[in-house]
């Protein structure tokens, strides 16, 4: 702006110089000054007549102007106001500097938008993760409940089939452990059905049948006994 002191505009009347400085101050990044004549006069603190005269001087040719572009004219009327011609020069910035400045502004806005989007995505992901955790917990609970129901039904079948019904609570706890070792209830039930026919379990009205918890805890289903051997036991009696 100090170059203005060397400009021919500095030889003009005070109200012209004040108007020129006011318009430079009001101009946007494109050099546009959007205002009416009364509004411009109020901003410059000059009369309407002085504003109109100043605009006439600034928009008219200046043969002594150092800038020969536009015949030395400094402003041009546009829809809604005026545009400062050669605004880049008056700002004391090169075109490259203005381009870089605009680029930096765009980059800043872009980063702000990206940051905002990232925050929304993180918030959304957090909500989604919480929801998924809830679904996982529910799924695990459902599986546990199904497994518990299956064990209960299997034990009920075992208890019904076992010939000596004693200490049911102990038997149920032992049954759960035995199922894990045997991998499934079919092994237990098949072994039970074979041993129920054995001589030891039948003689003296089942006097020698172990309690169900004892049979389970000692791995009675793992006794090496099959139906053929049971039949041979009976034939040998």
C-alpha atoms as a PDB file:
ATOM      1  CA  UNK A   1       0.000   0.000   0.000  1.00  0.00           C
ATOM      2  CA  UNK A   2       2.949   2.359   0.460  1.00  0.00           C
ATOM      3  CA  UNK A   3       3.221   2.619  -3.340  1.00  0.00           C
ATOM      4  CA  UNK A   4       0.020   4.647  -3.204  1.00  0.00           C
ATOM      5  CA  UNK A   5       2.063   7.599  -1.987  1.00  0.00           C
ATOM      6  CA  UNK A   6       3.831   7.598  -5.357  1.00  0.00           C
ATOM      7  CA  UNK A   7       0.596   7.248  -7.272  1.00  0.00           C
ATOM      8  CA  UNK A   8      -1.044  10.117  -9.141  1.00  0.00           C
ATOM      9  CA  UNK A   9      -4.142   9.446  -7.082  1.00  0.00           C
ATOM     10  CA  UNK A  10      -2.320  11.046  -4.169  1.00  0.00           C
ATOM     11  CA  UNK A  11      -2.506  14.363  -6.017  1.00  0.00           C
ATOM     12  CA  UNK A  12      -6.317  14.269  -5.940  1.00  0.00           C
ATOM     13  CA  UNK A  13      -8.616  15.989  -3.445  1.00  0.00           C
ATOM     14  CA  UNK A  14      -8.903  14.540   0.055  1.00  0.00           C
ATOM     15  CA  UNK A  15     -12.372  13.051  -0.522  1.00  0.00           C
ATOM     16  CA  UNK A  16     -11.108  11.219  -3.637  1.00  0.00           C
ATOM     17  CA  UNK A  17      -8.149   9.756  -1.779  1.00  0.00           C
ATOM     18  CA  UNK A  18     -10.349   8.796   1.175  1.00  0.00           C
ATOM     19  CA  UNK A  19     -12.862   7.139  -1.158  1.00  0.00           C
ATOM     20  CA  UNK A  20     -10.067   5.233  -2.907  1.00  0.00           C
ATOM     21  CA  UNK A  21      -8.613   3.956   0.365  1.00  0.00           C
ATOM     22  CA  UNK A  22     -12.129   3.019   1.564  1.00  0.00           C
ATOM     23  CA  UNK A  23     -12.836   1.015  -1.584  1.00  0.00           C
ATOM     24  CA  UNK A  24      -9.523  -0.833  -1.305  1.00  0.00           C
ATOM     25  CA  UNK A  25     -10.392  -1.697   2.288  1.00  0.00           C
ATOM     26  CA  UNK A  26     -13.900  -2.884   1.390  1.00  0.00           C
ATOM     27  CA  UNK A  27     -12.854  -4.962  -1.623  1.00  0.00           C
ATOM     28  CA  UNK A  28     -13.177  -8.735  -1.358  1.00  0.00           C
ATOM     29  CA  UNK A  29     -10.578 -11.223  -2.595  1.00  0.00           C
ATOM     30  CA  UNK A  30     -11.732 -10.616  -6.179  1.00  0.00           C
ATOM     31  CA  UNK A  31     -11.503  -6.846  -5.831  1.00  0.00           C
ATOM     32  CA  UNK A  32     -15.268  -6.337  -5.806  1.00  0.00           C
ATOM     33  CA  UNK A  33     -16.846  -3.602  -3.682  1.00  0.00           C
ATOM     34  CA  UNK A  34     -20.523  -4.383  -3.197  1.00  0.00           C
ATOM     35  CA  UNK A  35     -22.287  -1.204  -2.022  1.00  0.00           C
ATOM     36  CA  UNK A  36     -24.599   1.569  -3.084  1.00  0.00           C
ATOM     37  CA  UNK A  37     -23.374   5.139  -3.497  1.00  0.00           C
ATOM     38  CA  UNK A  38     -25.016   6.264  -0.215  1.00  0.00           C
ATOM     39  CA  UNK A  39     -23.562   3.227   1.563  1.00  0.00           C
ATOM     40  CA  UNK A  40     -20.123   3.880   0.113  1.00  0.00           C
ATOM     41  CA  UNK A  41     -20.340   7.557   1.085  1.00  0.00           C
ATOM     42  CA  UNK A  42     -21.277   6.610   4.651  1.00  0.00           C
ATOM     43  CA  UNK A  43     -18.343   4.165   4.916  1.00  0.00           C
ATOM     44  CA  UNK A  44     -15.925   6.815   3.603  1.00  0.00           C
ATOM     45  CA  UNK A  45     -17.500   9.548   5.770  1.00  0.00           C
ATOM     46  CA  UNK A  46     -17.949  11.866   2.781  1.00  0.00           C
ATOM     47  CA  UNK A  47     -21.012  13.490   1.219  1.00  0.00           C
ATOM     48  CA  UNK A  48     -22.994  11.952  -1.633  1.00  0.00           C
ATOM     49  CA  UNK A  49     -21.725  14.650  -3.993  1.00  0.00           C
ATOM     50  CA  UNK A  50     -18.117  13.981  -2.981  1.00  0.00           C
ATOM     51  CA  UNK A  51     -18.680  10.213  -3.408  1.00  0.00           C
ATOM     52  CA  UNK A  52     -20.104  10.657  -6.908  1.00  0.00           C
ATOM     53  CA  UNK A  53     -17.243  12.975  -7.891  1.00  0.00           C
ATOM     54  CA  UNK A  54     -14.683  10.578  -6.474  1.00  0.00           C
ATOM     55  CA  UNK A  55     -16.180   7.639  -8.391  1.00  0.00           C
ATOM     56  CA  UNK A  56     -16.068   9.707 -11.568  1.00  0.00           C
ATOM     57  CA  UNK A  57     -12.362  10.387 -11.023  1.00  0.00           C
ATOM     58  CA  UNK A  58     -11.520   6.771 -10.134  1.00  0.00           C
ATOM     59  CA  UNK A  59     -13.449   5.333 -13.081  1.00  0.00           C
ATOM     60  CA  UNK A  60     -12.069   7.889 -15.543  1.00  0.00           C
ATOM     61  CA  UNK A  61      -8.803   7.609 -17.523  1.00  0.00           C
ATOM     62  CA  UNK A  62      -5.557   8.900 -16.027  1.00  0.00           C
ATOM     63  CA  UNK A  63      -2.868   9.708 -18.585  1.00  0.00           C
ATOM     64  CA  UNK A  64      -0.252  10.072 -15.870  1.00  0.00           C
ATOM     65  CA  UNK A  65      -0.984   6.771 -14.163  1.00  0.00           C
ATOM     66  CA  UNK A  66       1.999   4.409 -13.902  1.00  0.00           C
ATOM     67  CA  UNK A  67      -0.325   1.563 -14.827  1.00  0.00           C
ATOM     68  CA  UNK A  68      -1.360   1.846 -18.455  1.00  0.00           C
ATOM     69  CA  UNK A  69      -3.887  -0.980 -18.255  1.00  0.00           C
ATOM     70  CA  UNK A  70      -7.472   0.208 -18.731  1.00  0.00           C
ATOM     71  CA  UNK A  71      -6.142   3.676 -19.629  1.00  0.00           C
ATOM     72  CA  UNK A  72      -5.274   4.263 -15.990  1.00  0.00           C
ATOM     73  CA  UNK A  73      -8.830   3.692 -14.782  1.00  0.00           C
ATOM     74  CA  UNK A  74      -8.947   2.376 -11.219  1.00  0.00           C
ATOM     75  CA  UNK A  75     -12.534   1.184 -10.782  1.00  0.00           C
ATOM     76  CA  UNK A  76     -15.312  -0.072 -13.008  1.00  0.00           C
ATOM     77  CA  UNK A  77     -19.000  -0.200 -12.205  1.00  0.00           C
ATOM     78  CA  UNK A  78     -20.559  -3.667 -12.073  1.00  0.00           C
ATOM     79  CA  UNK A  79     -23.936  -5.022 -11.022  1.00  0.00           C
ATOM     80  CA  UNK A  80     -24.295  -4.301  -7.304  1.00  0.00           C
ATOM     81  CA  UNK A  81     -21.205  -2.121  -6.939  1.00  0.00           C
ATOM     82  CA  UNK A  82     -17.740  -1.676  -8.421  1.00  0.00           C
ATOM     83  CA  UNK A  83     -14.674  -3.757  -9.117  1.00  0.00           C
ATOM     84  CA  UNK A  84     -11.192  -2.430  -8.393  1.00  0.00           C
ATOM     85  CA  UNK A  85      -9.143  -2.888 -11.529  1.00  0.00           C
ATOM     86  CA  UNK A  86      -5.627  -4.278 -11.032  1.00  0.00           C
ATOM     87  CA  UNK A  87      -6.633  -5.184  -7.475  1.00  0.00           C
ATOM     88  CA  UNK A  88      -3.717  -7.591  -7.127  1.00  0.00           C
ATOM     89  CA  UNK A  89      -1.272  -4.789  -7.697  1.00  0.00           C
ATOM     90  CA  UNK A  90      -2.907  -2.489  -5.174  1.00  0.00           C
ATOM     91  CA  UNK A  91      -2.919  -5.260  -2.585  1.00  0.00           C
ATOM     92  CA  UNK A  92       0.846  -5.494  -3.008  1.00  0.00           C
ATOM     93  CA  UNK A  93       0.581  -9.213  -3.765  1.00  0.00           C
ATOM     94  CA  UNK A  94       1.590 -11.070  -6.886  1.00  0.00           C
ATOM     95  CA  UNK A  95      -0.862 -13.197  -8.754  1.00  0.00           C
ATOM     96  CA  UNK A  96       1.060 -16.265  -7.667  1.00  0.00           C
ATOM     97  CA  UNK A  97       0.722 -15.219  -4.032  1.00  0.00           C
ATOM     98  CA  UNK A  98      -3.014 -14.807  -4.386  1.00  0.00           C
ATOM     99  CA  UNK A  99      -3.316 -18.201  -6.059  1.00  0.00           C
ATOM    100  CA  UNK A 100      -1.267 -19.760  -3.269  1.00  0.00           C
ATOM    101  CA  UNK A 101      -3.361 -17.998  -0.657  1.00  0.00           C
ATOM    102  CA  UNK A 102      -6.602 -19.256  -2.206  1.00  0.00           C
ATOM    103  CA  UNK A 103      -5.127 -22.740  -2.464  1.00  0.00           C
ATOM    104  CA  UNK A 104      -4.203 -22.682   1.211  1.00  0.00           C
ATOM    105  CA  UNK A 105      -7.685 -21.526   2.115  1.00  0.00           C
ATOM    106  CA  UNK A 106      -9.234 -24.352   0.098  1.00  0.00           C
ATOM    107  CA  UNK A 107      -6.861 -26.865   1.694  1.00  0.00           C
ATOM    108  CA  UNK A 108      -7.782 -25.610   5.137  1.00  0.00           C
ATOM    109  CA  UNK A 109     -11.499 -25.938   4.419  1.00  0.00           C
ATOM    110  CA  UNK A 110     -10.951 -29.396   2.917  1.00  0.00           C
ATOM    111  CA  UNK A 111      -9.058 -30.583   6.008  1.00  0.00           C
ATOM    112  CA  UNK A 112     -11.772 -29.181   8.251  1.00  0.00           C
ATOM    113  CA  UNK A 113     -14.414 -31.071   6.274  1.00  0.00           C
ATOM    114  CA  UNK A 114     -12.342 -34.274   6.363  1.00  0.00           C
ATOM    115  CA  UNK A 115     -11.843 -33.908  10.101  1.00  0.00           C
ATOM    116  CA  UNK A 116     -15.573 -33.428  10.569  1.00  0.00           C
ATOM    117  CA  UNK A 117     -16.334 -36.495   8.424  1.00  0.00           C
ATOM    118  CA  UNK A 118     -13.733 -38.536  10.322  1.00  0.00           C
ATOM    119  CA  UNK A 119     -15.300 -37.560  13.635  1.00  0.00           C
ATOM    120  CA  UNK A 120     -18.754 -38.581  12.408  1.00  0.00           C
ATOM    121  CA  UNK A 121     -17.392 -41.898  11.125  1.00  0.00           C
ATOM    122  CA  UNK A 122     -15.655 -42.579  14.424  1.00  0.00           C
ATOM    123  CA  UNK A 123     -18.821 -41.786  16.315  1.00  0.00           C
ATOM    124  CA  UNK A 124     -20.808 -44.012  13.965  1.00  0.00           C
ATOM    125  CA  UNK A 125     -18.225 -46.810  14.267  1.00  0.00           C
ATOM    126  CA  UNK A 126     -18.315 -46.518  18.041  1.00  0.00           C
ATOM    127  CA  UNK A 127     -22.100 -46.831  18.061  1.00  0.00           C
ATOM    128  CA  UNK A 128     -21.852 -49.729  15.605  1.00  0.00           C
ATOM    129  CA  UNK A 129     -19.211 -51.491  17.738  1.00  0.00           C
ATOM    130  CA  UNK A 130     -21.322 -51.059  20.835  1.00  0.00           C
ATOM    131  CA  UNK A 131     -24.303 -52.451  18.971  1.00  0.00           C
ATOM    132  CA  UNK A 132     -22.264 -55.360  17.637  1.00  0.00           C
ATOM    133  CA  UNK A 133     -20.940 -56.084  21.113  1.00  0.00           C
ATOM    134  CA  UNK A 134     -24.504 -56.230  22.270  1.00  0.00           C
ATOM    135  CA  UNK A 135     -25.411 -58.659  19.486  1.00  0.00           C
ATOM    136  CA  UNK A 136     -22.382 -60.812  20.282  1.00  0.00           C
ATOM    137  CA  UNK A 137     -23.316 -60.902  23.969  1.00  0.00           C
ATOM    138  CA  UNK A 138     -26.875 -61.822  23.080  1.00  0.00           C
ATOM    139  CA  UNK A 139     -25.651 -64.521  20.698  1.00  0.00           C
ATOM    140  CA  UNK A 140     -23.372 -65.976  23.370  1.00  0.00           C
ATOM    141  CA  UNK A 141     -26.194 -65.900  25.909  1.00  0.00           C
ATOM    142  CA  UNK A 142     -28.501 -67.683  23.467  1.00  0.00           C
ATOM    143  CA  UNK A 143     -25.901 -70.372  22.811  1.00  0.00           C
ATOM    144  CA  UNK A 144     -25.325 -70.839  26.536  1.00  0.00           C
ATOM    145  CA  UNK A 145     -29.042 -71.077  27.127  1.00  0.00           C
ATOM    146  CA  UNK A 146     -29.461 -73.631  24.345  1.00  0.00           C
ATOM    147  CA  UNK A 147     -26.522 -75.644  25.652  1.00  0.00           C
ATOM    148  CA  UNK A 148     -27.952 -75.551  29.170  1.00  0.00           C
ATOM    149  CA  UNK A 149     -31.351 -76.682  27.913  1.00  0.00           C
ATOM    150  CA  UNK A 150     -29.763 -79.503  25.932  1.00  0.00           C
ATOM    151  CA  UNK A 151     -27.823 -80.649  28.998  1.00  0.00           C
ATOM    152  CA  UNK A 152     -30.947 -80.515  31.124  1.00  0.00           C
ATOM    153  CA  UNK A 153     -32.890 -82.621  28.631  1.00  0.00           C
ATOM    154  CA  UNK A 154     -30.008 -85.090  28.313  1.00  0.00           C
ATOM    155  CA  UNK A 155     -29.694 -85.428  32.076  1.00  0.00           C
ATOM    156  CA  UNK A 156     -33.440 -85.933  32.398  1.00  0.00           C
ATOM    157  CA  UNK A 157     -33.155 -88.822  29.935  1.00  0.00           C
ATOM    158  CA  UNK A 158     -30.145 -90.228  31.813  1.00  0.00           C
ATOM    159  CA  UNK A 159     -31.897 -89.943  35.187  1.00  0.00           C
ATOM    160  CA  UNK A 160     -34.977 -91.675  33.845  1.00  0.00           C
ATOM    161  CA  UNK A 161     -32.852 -94.530  32.438  1.00  0.00           C
ATOM    162  CA  UNK A 162     -30.576 -95.014  35.430  1.00  0.00           C
ATOM    163  CA  UNK A 163     -31.923 -97.823  37.600  1.00  0.00           C
ATOM    164  CA  UNK A 164     -30.855 -96.448  40.999  1.00  0.00           C
ATOM    165  CA  UNK A 165     -32.064 -92.928  41.608  1.00  0.00           C
ATOM    166  CA  UNK A 166     -30.060 -91.408  44.459  1.00  0.00           C
ATOM    167  CA  UNK A 167     -28.632 -87.933  45.091  1.00  0.00           C
ATOM    168  CA  UNK A 168     -30.003 -86.290  41.975  1.00  0.00           C
ATOM    169  CA  UNK A 169     -28.169 -82.942  42.432  1.00  0.00           C
ATOM    170  CA  UNK A 170     -24.798 -84.712  42.745  1.00  0.00           C
ATOM    171  CA  UNK A 171     -25.687 -86.847  39.761  1.00  0.00           C
ATOM    172  CA  UNK A 172     -26.506 -83.795  37.611  1.00  0.00           C
ATOM    173  CA  UNK A 173     -23.196 -82.102  38.430  1.00  0.00           C
ATOM    174  CA  UNK A 174     -21.307 -85.310  37.683  1.00  0.00           C
ATOM    175  CA  UNK A 175     -23.286 -85.742  34.458  1.00  0.00           C
ATOM    176  CA  UNK A 176     -22.176 -82.338  33.117  1.00  0.00           C
ATOM    177  CA  UNK A 177     -18.526 -83.197  33.756  1.00  0.00           C
ATOM    178  CA  UNK A 178     -18.930 -86.662  32.250  1.00  0.00           C
ATOM    179  CA  UNK A 179     -20.536 -85.269  29.071  1.00  0.00           C
ATOM    180  CA  UNK A 180     -17.475 -83.059  28.496  1.00  0.00           C
ATOM    181  CA  UNK A 181     -15.164 -86.053  28.848  1.00  0.00           C
ATOM    182  CA  UNK A 182     -17.297 -88.373  26.751  1.00  0.00           C
ATOM    183  CA  UNK A 183     -17.830 -85.680  24.099  1.00  0.00           C
ATOM    184  CA  UNK A 184     -21.539 -86.550  23.817  1.00  0.00           C
ATOM    185  CA  UNK A 185     -24.401 -88.137  25.735  1.00  0.00           C
ATOM    186  CA  UNK A 186     -24.856 -91.027  23.309  1.00  0.00           C
ATOM    187  CA  UNK A 187     -21.693 -92.690  24.600  1.00  0.00           C
ATOM    188  CA  UNK A 188     -22.977 -92.471  28.163  1.00  0.00           C
ATOM    189  CA  UNK A 189     -26.446 -93.725  27.325  1.00  0.00           C
ATOM    190  CA  UNK A 190     -25.186 -96.600  25.203  1.00  0.00           C
ATOM    191  CA  UNK A 191     -22.807 -97.740  27.938  1.00  0.00           C
ATOM    192  CA  UNK A 192     -25.564 -97.405  30.528  1.00  0.00           C
ATOM    193  CA  UNK A 193     -27.998 -99.570  28.557  1.00  0.00           C
ATOM    194  CA  UNK A 194     -25.378-102.323  28.229  1.00  0.00           C
ATOM    195  CA  UNK A 195     -24.355-102.261  31.880  1.00  0.00           C
ATOM    196  CA  UNK A 196     -27.989-102.302  33.038  1.00  0.00           C
ATOM    197  CA  UNK A 197     -28.153-105.811  31.598  1.00  0.00           C
ATOM    198  CA  UNK A 198     -24.995-107.014  33.317  1.00  0.00           C
ATOM    199  CA  UNK A 199     -25.192-109.606  36.083  1.00  0.00           C
ATOM    200  CA  UNK A 200     -23.740-107.269  38.726  1.00  0.00           C
ATOM    201  CA  UNK A 201     -26.465-104.722  38.092  1.00  0.00           C
ATOM    202  CA  UNK A 202     -29.308-107.209  37.953  1.00  0.00           C
ATOM    203  CA  UNK A 203     -28.534-109.642  40.800  1.00  0.00           C
ATOM    204  CA  UNK A 204     -30.027-109.109  44.241  1.00  0.00           C
ATOM    205  CA  UNK A 205     -32.435-106.521  42.888  1.00  0.00           C
ATOM    206  CA  UNK A 206     -29.665-104.137  41.843  1.00  0.00           C
ATOM    207  CA  UNK A 207     -27.937-104.132  45.197  1.00  0.00           C
ATOM    208  CA  UNK A 208     -24.532-103.605  43.554  1.00  0.00           C
ATOM    209  CA  UNK A 209     -25.565-100.839  41.195  1.00  0.00           C
ATOM    210  CA  UNK A 210     -23.452 -97.757  42.030  1.00  0.00           C
ATOM    211  CA  UNK A 211     -25.048 -94.413  42.739  1.00  0.00           C
ATOM    212  CA  UNK A 212     -25.377 -92.418  39.482  1.00  0.00           C
ATOM    213  CA  UNK A 213     -22.882 -89.731  40.625  1.00  0.00           C
ATOM    214  CA  UNK A 214     -20.383 -92.448  41.564  1.00  0.00           C
ATOM    215  CA  UNK A 215     -20.785 -94.219  38.235  1.00  0.00           C
ATOM    216  CA  UNK A 216     -20.316 -90.955  36.346  1.00  0.00           C
ATOM    217  CA  UNK A 217     -17.403 -89.629  38.404  1.00  0.00           C
ATOM    218  CA  UNK A 218     -15.498 -92.919  38.086  1.00  0.00           C
ATOM    219  CA  UNK A 219     -16.060 -93.046  34.326  1.00  0.00           C
ATOM    220  CA  UNK A 220     -18.289 -96.110  34.460  1.00  0.00           C
ATOM    221  CA  UNK A 221     -19.233 -95.602  30.825  1.00  0.00           C
ATOM    222  CA  UNK A 222     -15.623 -96.300  29.898  1.00  0.00           C
ATOM    223  CA  UNK A 223     -15.744 -99.904  31.226  1.00  0.00           C
ATOM    224  CA  UNK A 224     -14.738-102.241  28.437  1.00  0.00           C
ATOM    225  CA  UNK A 225     -18.074-104.018  28.190  1.00  0.00           C
ATOM    226  CA  UNK A 226     -20.298-104.820  25.233  1.00  0.00           C
ATOM    227  CA  UNK A 227     -23.564-106.647  24.689  1.00  0.00           C
ATOM    228  CA  UNK A 228     -21.843-109.876  23.597  1.00  0.00           C
ATOM    229  CA  UNK A 229     -19.844-109.983  26.798  1.00  0.00           C
ATOM    230  CA  UNK A 230     -22.977-109.393  28.835  1.00  0.00           C
ATOM    231  CA  UNK A 231     -24.676-112.319  27.118  1.00  0.00           C
ATOM    232  CA  UNK A 232     -21.668-114.541  27.781  1.00  0.00           C
ATOM    233  CA  UNK A 233     -21.808-113.586  31.460  1.00  0.00           C
ATOM    234  CA  UNK A 234     -25.355-114.865  31.666  1.00  0.00           C
ATOM    235  CA  UNK A 235     -24.541-118.109  29.846  1.00  0.00           C
ATOM    236  CA  UNK A 236     -21.691-118.806  32.231  1.00  0.00           C
ATOM    237  CA  UNK A 237     -23.890-118.471  35.310  1.00  0.00           C
END
